[in-house]
Amino acid sequence: MNIATAPLAAPHIAPADGARGLYIGGQWSWPEAGARIPVVDPSNGAVLAEVPDAGVREAMAAVDAAAAAAPGWRATPPRRRSEILRRCFELMTARADDLARLISLENGKALRDARGEVAYAAEFFRWNAEEAVRISGDFALSPAGGNHIIVDYEPIGICVLITPWNFPAAMATRKIAPAMAAGCTVVLKPASETPLTAYALAALYEEAGVPPGVVNVLTTSTPGPVTAAMLADPRVRKLSFTGSTPVGRALLAEAAKNVISCSMELGGNAPLLVFDDADLDVALEGAMLAKMRNAGEACTAANRIYVQAGLYDRFAEELTRRMSALHVGPGPEAGTECGPMITAKAVDKIERLVEDALARGARLLCGGVRPQRPGHFYPPTVLADVPADAAMGCEEIFGPVAALSRFATEDEAVALANATEYGLAAYVFTRDLARGLRVSRRIETGMVGLNRGLVSDPAAPFGGTKQSGLGREGGHHGVMEFLEAKYIATGL
């Protein structure tokens, strides 16, 4: 196997580059029926491109391609896999501006956020290039002394990866890179709202030297039957899904029919706690990042902001000033800090949640009025004194709305934080390190940002507890999700 050595420079990546067809077995093709899915710019409703609408037949062709490539990729030396993964990182980094613009066009996120996503997404290839050569087993004498225990780790098999629209590059590479590092082959089904990035990246993987069939990409408007068909194939041994909890539950039930290993990164309802002794500027910066990254369209976004009574008024005033100053506009437009939401339906949900909170007694400090302009826009909004029974207390807002409530004591803050079925991320701001660690341990969540508004890191385990999912992505934990432990008992 030869590693690509082409120069890193490449022509501009246009939306049409992500609409060449399905990517199966290293080939671009269109379904015989010729069905297409339009990809729409959420800032103005214009159709950017059309991608194939795959059915069960194409899905099974992708599984066939992954199965055909599996023995060769499994047998590829870890160092060679590592070098190919590293090349993917280098190509993504070299094409970062074009990839960011493509993400911004199809997703709507501000260009600065899109650039951040590309850097984050590329880092999964660099991290897992390093992990690929560090997958080691165990060798020990059994306690009884009668035999030795050998534990080896093997690729789990063909993997079906399903990713959402809000981070079209990062959610894909966070799954593809560790699967490849482990020696697995994959079929990726990206969200039909933002598929152009996934297809553009498929071409990049090919350029980096990824063998045909190791990564396959298909889009469909009928994900239920297509996914069910793949999961019913006994060659498929892993499902990794990022998306809503209701869909995750349905996929778990489908995967259970064939006892398929599942990793689930599901919904969130992140609390952000600000104590009276917090550094106000640090807390505000953290809250803006935790709330407004990707305009609030993130599962880790701060959904409920609880501020201790002594700091509440100052925090609310300054947060309102900062939120009011954000520039709203199309994602690729210079200066945009808050782009459009992904669909009109998403804006409808945000509007419903805000109106519900106001009807229950919340106070509107800024925003809150849907603008009369083309595209799926909603303004940065701050609500004060949001009551506990407001719908946004238990539903993900998934938009640029900061919901503020006050608390009096540490115990009350922890109780409020834990009053949810979700447990993905939380944020705590305090100058008292002992309190910060104590509260972080008491909160029922998979991740905590202590005095910072960003928890995502390719070197760290990303995932939740309760209804927020199963398993972890990132760190060495991410590779382990794609490996099976094999125990060999031997007398030497």
Protein backbone atom coordinates (compact mmCIF):
# COMPACT_ATOMS: atom_id res chain seq x y z
CA MET A 1 0.00 0.00 0.00
CA ASN A 2 1.45 3.35 -1.03
CA ILE A 3 0.77 6.50 0.94
CA ALA A 4 -0.29 9.48 -1.15
CA THR A 5 2.42 12.04 -1.66
CA ALA A 6 0.53 14.63 -3.70
CA PRO A 7 1.07 18.28 -2.77
CA LEU A 8 -1.25 19.65 -0.10
CA ALA A 9 -2.49 22.55 -2.21
CA ALA A 10 -5.77 21.93 -4.05
CA PRO A 11 -8.40 23.84 -6.02
CA HIS A 12 -11.16 25.64 -4.17
CA ILE A 13 -13.75 23.29 -2.64
CA ALA A 14 -17.20 24.22 -3.95
CA PRO A 15 -20.59 22.78 -2.89
CA ALA A 16 -20.69 20.76 -6.11
CA ASP A 17 -17.52 18.95 -4.97
CA GLY A 18 -19.61 17.38 -2.23
CA ALA A 19 -22.29 16.22 -4.67
CA ARG A 20 -20.46 13.77 -6.91
CA GLY A 21 -22.55 10.81 -5.81
CA LEU A 22 -22.46 8.10 -3.17
CA TYR A 23 -18.94 7.12 -2.13
CA ILE A 24 -18.87 3.31 -2.02
CA GLY A 25 -15.81 1.10 -2.47
CA GLY A 26 -13.70 4.06 -3.56
CA GLN A 27 -16.10 4.92 -6.40
CA TRP A 28 -18.58 7.74 -6.91
CA SER A 29 -22.00 6.61 -8.11
CA TRP A 30 -25.67 7.56 -8.24
CA PRO A 31 -28.59 5.25 -7.43
CA GLU A 32 -30.30 3.78 -10.48
CA ALA A 33 -33.52 5.54 -9.51
CA GLY A 34 -31.67 8.85 -9.63
CA ALA A 35 -33.44 10.25 -6.55
CA ARG A 36 -31.84 13.36 -5.10
CA ILE A 37 -31.84 15.30 -1.84
CA PRO A 38 -31.52 19.10 -2.08
CA VAL A 39 -29.04 20.75 0.28
CA VAL A 40 -30.31 24.19 1.29
CA ASP A 41 -28.46 27.28 2.51
CA PRO A 42 -30.27 28.10 5.78
CA SER A 43 -29.47 31.79 5.45
CA ASN A 44 -31.61 32.29 2.33
CA GLY A 45 -33.24 29.02 1.29
CA ALA A 46 -31.16 28.68 -1.89
CA VAL A 47 -30.31 25.14 -3.05
CA LEU A 48 -26.55 24.70 -2.86
CA ALA A 49 -26.42 21.27 -4.50
CA GLU A 50 -28.19 17.94 -4.67
CA VAL A 51 -26.89 14.65 -3.27
CA PRO A 52 -27.99 11.06 -3.94
CA ASP A 53 -30.91 9.56 -2.07
CA ALA A 54 -29.75 6.03 -1.29
CA GLY A 55 -32.01 3.09 -0.58
CA VAL A 56 -31.50 -0.34 0.94
CA ARG A 57 -29.76 -1.62 -2.20
CA GLU A 58 -27.05 1.04 -2.02
CA ALA A 59 -26.69 0.58 1.73
CA MET A 60 -26.00 -3.11 1.28
CA ALA A 61 -23.49 -2.31 -1.47
CA ALA A 62 -21.69 -0.10 1.07
CA VAL A 63 -21.64 -2.95 3.60
CA ASP A 64 -20.29 -5.26 0.87
CA ALA A 65 -17.52 -2.76 0.11
CA ALA A 66 -16.63 -2.43 3.80
CA ALA A 67 -16.57 -6.22 4.14
CA ALA A 68 -14.32 -6.61 1.10
CA ALA A 69 -11.86 -4.05 2.46
CA ALA A 70 -11.90 -5.36 6.03
CA PRO A 71 -9.27 -8.15 5.82
CA GLY A 72 -6.71 -5.94 4.11
CA TRP A 73 -7.21 -2.99 6.48
CA ARG A 74 -7.18 -5.24 9.53
CA ALA A 75 -3.87 -6.70 8.37
CA THR A 76 -2.34 -3.29 7.60
CA PRO A 77 0.46 -2.60 10.11
CA PRO A 78 -0.47 -0.05 12.78
CA ARG A 79 2.34 2.25 11.67
CA ARG A 80 0.99 2.34 8.12
CA ARG A 81 -2.53 3.07 9.37
CA SER A 82 -1.04 5.79 11.55
CA GLU A 83 0.71 7.43 8.60
CA ILE A 84 -2.49 7.49 6.55
CA LEU A 85 -4.41 9.03 9.46
CA ARG A 86 -1.68 11.63 9.85
CA ARG A 87 -1.98 12.45 6.15
CA CYS A 88 -5.73 13.01 6.60
CA PHE A 89 -4.91 15.50 9.36
CA GLU A 90 -2.42 17.32 7.17
CA LEU A 91 -4.80 17.56 4.22
CA MET A 92 -7.66 18.82 6.39
CA THR A 93 -5.39 21.43 7.91
CA ALA A 94 -4.16 22.56 4.51
CA ARG A 95 -7.73 22.85 3.17
CA ALA A 96 -9.13 24.34 6.37
CA ASP A 97 -10.43 27.60 4.89
CA ASP A 98 -12.30 25.89 2.06
CA LEU A 99 -13.75 23.24 4.36
CA ALA A 100 -14.84 25.92 6.82
CA ARG A 101 -16.60 27.86 4.10
CA LEU A 102 -18.40 24.71 2.93
CA ILE A 103 -19.56 23.99 6.50
CA SER A 104 -20.69 27.58 6.91
CA LEU A 105 -22.68 27.45 3.67
CA GLU A 106 -24.60 24.25 4.33
CA ASN A 107 -24.88 24.51 8.11
CA GLY A 108 -25.20 28.28 8.55
CA LYS A 109 -22.72 28.57 11.40
CA ALA A 110 -20.53 31.64 11.61
CA LEU A 111 -17.29 31.25 9.67
CA ARG A 112 -15.23 31.65 12.84
CA ASP A 113 -17.09 28.71 14.40
CA ALA A 114 -16.67 26.69 11.21
CA ARG A 115 -12.92 27.28 11.28
CA GLY A 116 -12.87 26.10 14.87
CA GLU A 117 -14.78 22.98 13.89
CA VAL A 118 -12.35 22.10 11.10
CA ALA A 119 -9.38 22.42 13.45
CA TYR A 120 -11.18 20.27 16.03
CA ALA A 121 -12.23 17.70 13.42
CA ALA A 122 -8.73 17.41 11.95
CA GLU A 123 -7.25 16.88 15.40
CA PHE A 124 -9.09 13.55 15.70
CA PHE A 125 -6.95 12.25 12.86
CA ARG A 126 -3.73 13.46 14.48
CA TRP A 127 -4.70 12.07 17.90
CA ASN A 128 -5.78 8.71 16.52
CA ALA A 129 -2.71 8.50 14.29
CA GLU A 130 -0.81 8.41 17.56
CA GLU A 131 -3.25 6.00 19.20
CA ALA A 132 -3.05 3.52 16.30
CA VAL A 133 0.48 2.47 17.27
CA ARG A 134 -0.28 2.28 21.01
CA ILE A 135 -2.99 -0.39 21.07
CA SER A 136 -1.43 -2.96 23.37
CA GLY A 137 -2.65 -6.10 25.13
CA ASP A 138 -1.92 -7.70 28.50
CA PHE A 139 0.16 -10.64 29.68
CA ALA A 140 -0.03 -11.96 33.21
CA LEU A 141 0.28 -15.07 35.34
CA SER A 142 -3.11 -16.19 36.63
CA PRO A 143 -3.53 -15.82 40.42
CA ALA A 144 -3.74 -19.62 40.79
CA GLY A 145 -0.46 -19.97 38.90
CA GLY A 146 -1.71 -22.70 36.59
CA ASN A 147 -1.70 -20.71 33.35
CA HIS A 148 -0.92 -17.36 31.80
CA ILE A 149 -3.52 -14.80 30.81
CA ILE A 150 -3.04 -13.16 27.41
CA VAL A 151 -5.43 -10.39 26.39
CA ASP A 152 -5.33 -9.20 22.79
CA TYR A 153 -7.41 -6.46 21.18
CA GLU A 154 -8.92 -6.97 17.75
CA PRO A 155 -10.98 -4.73 15.42
CA ILE A 156 -14.65 -5.11 16.28
CA GLY A 157 -15.65 -5.37 12.61
CA ILE A 158 -17.73 -3.35 10.16
CA CYS A 159 -19.08 -0.16 11.74
CA VAL A 160 -22.17 1.88 10.85
CA LEU A 161 -21.66 5.52 11.81
CA ILE A 162 -24.56 7.99 11.94
CA THR A 163 -23.81 11.69 12.43
CA PRO A 164 -25.90 14.85 12.95
CA TRP A 165 -26.05 18.12 11.05
CA ASN A 166 -24.68 20.52 13.66
CA PHE A 167 -20.99 19.52 13.38
CA PRO A 168 -20.77 17.87 9.94
CA ALA A 169 -16.97 17.50 9.99
CA ALA A 170 -16.18 16.88 13.65
CA MET A 171 -18.93 14.35 14.36
CA ALA A 172 -17.71 12.30 11.38
CA THR A 173 -13.98 12.38 12.13
CA ARG A 174 -14.61 11.72 15.83
CA LYS A 175 -15.96 8.33 14.76
CA ILE A 176 -14.05 7.55 11.55
CA ALA A 177 -10.55 8.22 12.90
CA PRO A 178 -10.65 5.87 15.92
CA ALA A 179 -12.43 3.19 13.89
CA MET A 180 -9.67 3.33 11.28
CA ALA A 181 -6.99 3.37 13.95
CA ALA A 182 -8.50 0.21 15.42
CA GLY A 183 -8.45 -1.51 12.02
CA CYS A 184 -12.18 -1.29 11.28
CA THR A 185 -13.95 -0.38 8.05
CA VAL A 186 -16.98 1.90 8.14
CA VAL A 187 -20.17 3.06 6.47
CA LEU A 188 -20.97 6.69 7.30
CA LYS A 189 -24.48 8.08 7.02
CA PRO A 190 -24.29 11.86 7.51
CA ALA A 191 -27.34 14.04 8.12
CA SER A 192 -29.14 14.92 4.89
CA GLU A 193 -29.21 18.60 5.93
CA THR A 194 -25.40 18.86 5.82
CA PRO A 195 -23.93 16.06 3.68
CA LEU A 196 -21.61 18.10 1.46
CA THR A 197 -18.85 18.23 4.06
CA ALA A 198 -18.91 14.44 4.54
CA TYR A 199 -18.58 13.83 0.80
CA ALA A 200 -15.84 16.44 0.43
CA LEU A 201 -13.94 14.75 3.25
CA ALA A 202 -14.37 11.35 1.56
CA ALA A 203 -12.45 12.68 -1.44
CA LEU A 204 -9.78 13.96 0.93
CA TYR A 205 -9.45 10.54 2.60
CA GLU A 206 -8.95 8.97 -0.81
CA GLU A 207 -6.22 11.49 -1.57
CA ALA A 208 -4.59 10.68 1.76
CA GLY A 209 -4.28 7.02 0.78
CA VAL A 210 -7.26 5.45 2.54
CA PRO A 211 -7.89 2.22 0.57
CA PRO A 212 -11.18 1.74 -1.30
CA GLY A 213 -13.97 0.42 0.91
CA VAL A 214 -12.39 1.40 4.22
CA VAL A 215 -14.62 4.50 4.41
CA ASN A 216 -17.97 4.53 2.58
CA VAL A 217 -20.43 7.43 2.62
CA LEU A 218 -24.11 7.46 1.72
CA THR A 219 -27.04 9.83 2.16
CA THR A 220 -30.70 8.90 2.37
CA SER A 221 -34.10 10.44 3.02
CA THR A 222 -35.29 7.12 4.52
CA PRO A 223 -32.81 6.52 7.35
CA GLY A 224 -35.04 4.06 9.22
CA PRO A 225 -35.22 1.28 6.61
CA VAL A 226 -31.68 1.92 5.36
CA THR A 227 -30.15 1.70 8.82
CA ALA A 228 -32.28 -1.30 9.79
CA ALA A 229 -31.08 -3.18 6.71
CA MET A 230 -27.43 -2.56 7.57
CA LEU A 231 -27.91 -3.53 11.21
CA ALA A 232 -29.62 -6.76 10.14
CA ASP A 233 -26.50 -7.83 8.23
CA PRO A 234 -24.44 -10.16 10.49
CA ARG A 235 -21.22 -8.66 9.18
CA VAL A 236 -22.03 -5.33 10.89
CA ARG A 237 -20.81 -5.42 14.48
CA LYS A 238 -20.82 -1.80 15.63
CA LEU A 239 -23.22 1.15 15.61
CA SER A 240 -22.01 4.59 16.63
CA PHE A 241 -24.71 7.27 16.68
CA THR A 242 -24.80 10.95 17.59
CA GLY A 243 -28.22 12.56 17.74
CA SER A 244 -31.39 12.86 19.77
CA THR A 245 -32.28 10.56 22.65
CA PRO A 246 -35.59 9.37 21.09
CA VAL A 247 -33.82 8.30 17.90
CA GLY A 248 -31.04 6.73 19.95
CA ARG A 249 -33.56 4.62 21.85
CA ALA A 250 -35.07 3.39 18.57
CA LEU A 251 -31.63 2.50 17.19
CA LEU A 252 -30.70 0.66 20.38
CA ALA A 253 -33.83 -1.45 20.00
CA GLU A 254 -32.96 -2.18 16.37
CA ALA A 255 -29.35 -3.05 17.21
CA ALA A 256 -30.48 -5.35 20.03
CA LYS A 257 -32.08 -7.69 17.50
CA ASN A 258 -28.58 -8.74 16.42
CA VAL A 259 -26.69 -7.94 19.63
CA ILE A 260 -24.67 -5.17 17.99
CA SER A 261 -22.27 -3.13 20.09
CA CYS A 262 -23.51 0.46 20.41
CA SER A 263 -21.98 3.81 21.22
CA MET A 264 -24.57 6.56 21.73
CA GLU A 265 -23.91 10.28 22.12
CA LEU A 266 -27.42 11.59 22.73
CA GLY A 267 -29.23 14.70 23.97
CA GLY A 268 -28.17 17.11 26.67
CA ASN A 269 -29.62 19.66 29.07
CA ALA A 270 -26.44 21.23 30.40
CA PRO A 271 -26.59 23.31 33.58
CA LEU A 272 -24.16 26.18 34.08
CA LEU A 273 -23.62 27.16 37.73
CA VAL A 274 -22.15 30.53 38.71
CA PHE A 275 -21.36 30.99 42.41
CA ASP A 276 -21.10 34.35 44.16
CA ASP A 277 -17.32 34.02 44.47
CA ALA A 278 -16.78 33.39 40.74
CA ASP A 279 -14.60 35.72 38.69
CA LEU A 280 -17.35 37.60 36.84
CA ASP A 281 -15.37 38.09 33.63
CA VAL A 282 -14.29 34.44 33.54
CA ALA A 283 -17.87 33.30 34.17
CA LEU A 284 -19.24 35.58 31.45
CA GLU A 285 -16.66 34.47 28.91
CA GLY A 286 -17.37 30.87 29.78
CA ALA A 287 -21.12 31.35 29.58
CA MET A 288 -20.89 33.02 26.17
CA LEU A 289 -18.77 30.15 24.86
CA ALA A 290 -20.89 27.43 26.44
CA LYS A 291 -24.11 29.05 25.22
CA MET A 292 -23.22 30.56 21.85
CA ARG A 293 -20.79 28.08 20.30
CA ASN A 294 -22.44 27.25 17.00
CA ALA A 295 -25.25 29.69 17.94
CA GLY A 296 -26.38 27.32 20.67
CA GLU A 297 -26.92 24.41 18.28
CA ALA A 298 -24.81 21.98 20.29
CA CYS A 299 -25.65 19.13 22.66
CA THR A 300 -23.14 20.57 25.14
CA ALA A 301 -24.69 24.07 25.04
CA ALA A 302 -25.58 25.62 28.39
CA ASN A 303 -29.34 25.08 28.47
CA ARG A 304 -29.99 26.22 32.05
CA ILE A 305 -27.91 28.99 33.62
CA TYR A 306 -28.14 29.17 37.41
CA VAL A 307 -26.49 32.15 39.14
CA GLN A 308 -26.18 32.61 42.90
CA ALA A 309 -28.30 35.45 44.26
CA GLY A 310 -25.41 37.75 45.18
CA LEU A 311 -24.02 37.88 41.63
CA TYR A 312 -27.25 37.35 39.70
CA ASP A 313 -28.15 40.94 38.77
CA ARG A 314 -24.63 41.91 37.65
CA PHE A 315 -24.27 38.71 35.66
CA ALA A 316 -27.63 39.16 33.94
CA GLU A 317 -26.88 42.77 33.05
CA GLU A 318 -23.47 42.05 31.56
CA LEU A 319 -24.60 38.90 29.75
CA THR A 320 -27.43 40.88 28.19
CA ARG A 321 -24.99 43.52 26.99
CA ARG A 322 -22.75 40.92 25.39
CA MET A 323 -25.58 38.96 23.78
CA SER A 324 -27.17 42.14 22.41
CA ALA A 325 -23.91 43.12 20.74
CA LEU A 326 -23.58 39.92 18.68
CA HIS A 327 -23.87 40.40 14.93
CA VAL A 328 -26.49 38.18 13.30
CA GLY A 329 -26.06 37.29 9.64
CA PRO A 330 -25.29 34.57 7.07
CA GLY A 331 -22.55 32.21 8.21
CA PRO A 332 -19.92 33.04 5.57
CA GLU A 333 -20.49 36.80 5.86
CA ALA A 334 -17.60 38.72 7.42
CA GLY A 335 -18.34 39.73 10.99
CA THR A 336 -21.16 37.24 11.58
CA GLU A 337 -21.16 35.97 15.16
CA CYS A 338 -24.56 34.25 15.15
CA GLY A 339 -25.72 32.58 11.95
CA PRO A 340 -29.11 31.12 11.04
CA MET A 341 -30.64 28.04 12.60
CA ILE A 342 -30.62 24.90 10.49
CA THR A 343 -34.33 24.85 9.52
CA ALA A 344 -37.57 26.80 9.94
CA LYS A 345 -38.76 23.99 12.22
CA ALA A 346 -35.81 24.67 14.53
CA VAL A 347 -36.78 28.34 14.77
CA ASP A 348 -40.39 27.36 15.48
CA LYS A 349 -39.23 25.28 18.44
CA ILE A 350 -37.09 28.08 19.86
CA GLU A 351 -39.96 30.53 19.51
CA ARG A 352 -42.33 28.12 21.27
CA LEU A 353 -39.95 27.64 24.19
CA VAL A 354 -39.39 31.39 24.62
CA GLU A 355 -43.11 32.15 24.51
CA ASP A 356 -43.78 29.40 27.05
CA ALA A 357 -41.17 30.78 29.46
CA LEU A 358 -42.52 34.33 29.15
CA ALA A 359 -46.07 33.10 29.73
CA ARG A 360 -44.88 31.45 32.96
CA GLY A 361 -43.29 34.65 34.31
CA ALA A 362 -39.80 34.91 32.81
CA ARG A 363 -38.55 38.40 31.93
CA LEU A 364 -37.19 39.24 28.47
CA LEU A 365 -33.90 41.15 28.70
CA CYS A 366 -33.00 41.13 24.99
CA GLY A 367 -33.97 39.48 21.72
CA GLY A 368 -37.02 37.25 21.76
CA VAL A 369 -38.54 38.48 18.50
CA ARG A 370 -38.21 36.48 15.30
CA PRO A 371 -36.77 38.82 12.63
CA GLN A 372 -38.65 39.46 9.41
CA ARG A 373 -35.95 38.49 6.96
CA PRO A 374 -35.16 35.58 4.64
CA GLY A 375 -33.53 32.58 6.23
CA HIS A 376 -33.93 30.72 9.51
CA PHE A 377 -32.76 33.38 11.94
CA TYR A 378 -33.44 33.91 15.64
CA PRO A 379 -31.76 36.69 17.63
CA PRO A 380 -29.49 36.18 20.66
CA THR A 381 -31.92 36.24 23.56
CA VAL A 382 -31.63 36.50 27.35
CA LEU A 383 -34.47 35.51 29.68
CA ALA A 384 -34.30 36.27 33.39
CA ASP A 385 -36.08 34.48 36.24
CA VAL A 386 -37.04 31.48 34.14
CA PRO A 387 -39.31 29.31 36.34
CA ALA A 388 -38.54 25.67 37.00
CA ASP A 389 -41.71 24.53 35.20
CA ALA A 390 -40.81 26.26 31.92
CA ALA A 391 -40.57 23.83 28.99
CA MET A 392 -37.00 24.96 28.23
CA GLY A 393 -35.97 23.53 31.58
CA CYS A 394 -36.43 19.99 30.27
CA GLU A 395 -36.15 20.45 26.47
CA GLU A 396 -32.95 21.33 24.64
CA ILE A 397 -33.28 24.88 23.33
CA PHE A 398 -30.72 24.25 20.58
CA GLY A 399 -30.54 27.94 19.80
CA PRO A 400 -29.17 31.32 20.97
CA VAL A 401 -31.33 31.68 24.10
CA ALA A 402 -29.78 32.09 27.56
CA ALA A 403 -32.23 31.07 30.29
CA LEU A 404 -31.27 32.53 33.70
CA SER A 405 -32.48 31.47 37.13
CA ARG A 406 -31.12 32.19 40.60
CA PHE A 407 -30.15 29.92 43.47
CA ALA A 408 -29.23 30.47 47.12
CA THR A 409 -27.11 27.54 48.33
CA GLU A 410 -24.70 24.97 46.97
CA ASP A 411 -27.11 22.14 47.71
CA GLU A 412 -29.87 23.92 45.81
CA ALA A 413 -27.58 24.48 42.83
CA VAL A 414 -26.65 20.78 42.70
CA ALA A 415 -30.29 19.74 43.01
CA LEU A 416 -31.28 22.06 40.16
CA ALA A 417 -28.41 20.79 38.00
CA ASN A 418 -29.43 17.16 38.55
CA ALA A 419 -33.17 17.72 38.00
CA THR A 420 -33.08 16.28 34.47
CA GLU A 421 -33.02 12.89 32.77
CA TYR A 422 -29.94 13.99 30.82
CA GLY A 423 -26.32 13.96 31.94
CA LEU A 424 -24.00 15.03 29.16
CA ALA A 425 -22.19 18.22 30.19
CA ALA A 426 -22.21 20.80 32.99
CA TYR A 427 -20.28 23.97 33.81
CA VAL A 428 -19.22 25.32 37.20
CA PHE A 429 -17.70 28.73 37.98
CA THR A 430 -16.16 29.48 41.37
CA ARG A 431 -12.84 30.73 42.74
CA ASP A 432 -13.00 28.04 45.47
CA LEU A 433 -11.26 25.01 43.95
CA ALA A 434 -12.46 22.71 46.71
CA ARG A 435 -16.05 23.73 46.05
CA GLY A 436 -15.54 23.44 42.31
CA LEU A 437 -14.28 19.87 42.56
CA ARG A 438 -16.91 18.96 45.15
CA VAL A 439 -19.77 20.26 43.01
CA SER A 440 -18.28 18.72 39.86
CA ARG A 441 -18.33 15.31 41.53
CA ARG A 442 -21.89 15.74 42.78
CA ILE A 443 -23.33 16.67 39.40
CA GLU A 444 -24.67 13.64 37.51
CA THR A 445 -22.99 14.21 34.17
CA GLY A 446 -20.28 12.75 31.98
CA MET A 447 -18.30 15.97 31.55
CA VAL A 448 -17.79 19.15 33.59
CA GLY A 449 -16.19 22.41 32.55
CA LEU A 450 -14.72 23.90 35.73
CA ASN A 451 -14.13 27.63 35.19
CA ARG A 452 -14.23 27.14 31.43
CA GLY A 453 -17.00 27.03 28.84
CA LEU A 454 -15.51 24.42 26.51
CA VAL A 455 -15.11 20.74 27.35
CA SER A 456 -14.55 19.18 23.92
CA ASP A 457 -11.00 17.89 23.36
CA PRO A 458 -9.91 15.01 21.08
CA ALA A 459 -7.57 13.84 23.86
CA ALA A 460 -10.39 13.55 26.41
CA PRO A 461 -13.34 11.14 26.73
CA PHE A 462 -16.53 12.77 25.41
CA GLY A 463 -19.86 11.28 26.48
CA GLY A 464 -22.68 11.32 28.97
CA THR A 465 -24.61 9.46 31.63
CA LYS A 466 -28.32 8.73 32.15
CA GLN A 467 -30.32 9.46 28.97
CA SER A 468 -27.37 11.23 27.33
CA GLY A 469 -25.77 8.09 26.00
CA LEU A 470 -23.46 5.11 26.20
CA GLY A 471 -19.72 4.92 25.67
CA ARG A 472 -17.12 7.59 25.04
CA GLU A 473 -15.49 9.27 22.04
CA GLY A 474 -12.03 10.83 22.16
CA GLY A 475 -8.95 10.02 24.21
CA HIS A 476 -7.80 6.41 24.32
CA HIS A 477 -11.37 5.53 25.25
CA GLY A 478 -12.49 6.36 21.72
CA VAL A 479 -10.35 3.66 20.11
CA MET A 480 -11.43 1.07 22.67
CA GLU A 481 -15.04 1.48 21.51
CA PHE A 482 -13.97 -0.13 18.21
CA LEU A 483 -11.99 -3.03 19.68
CA GLU A 484 -12.89 -6.41 21.14
CA ALA A 485 -10.82 -7.94 23.93
CA LYS A 486 -9.80 -11.53 23.25
CA TYR A 487 -8.62 -13.60 26.22
CA ILE A 488 -6.24 -16.52 25.59
CA ALA A 489 -5.49 -18.90 28.47
CA THR A 490 -2.22 -20.69 27.94
CA GLY A 491 0.21 -22.79 29.88
CA LEU A 492 3.79 -21.89 29.03
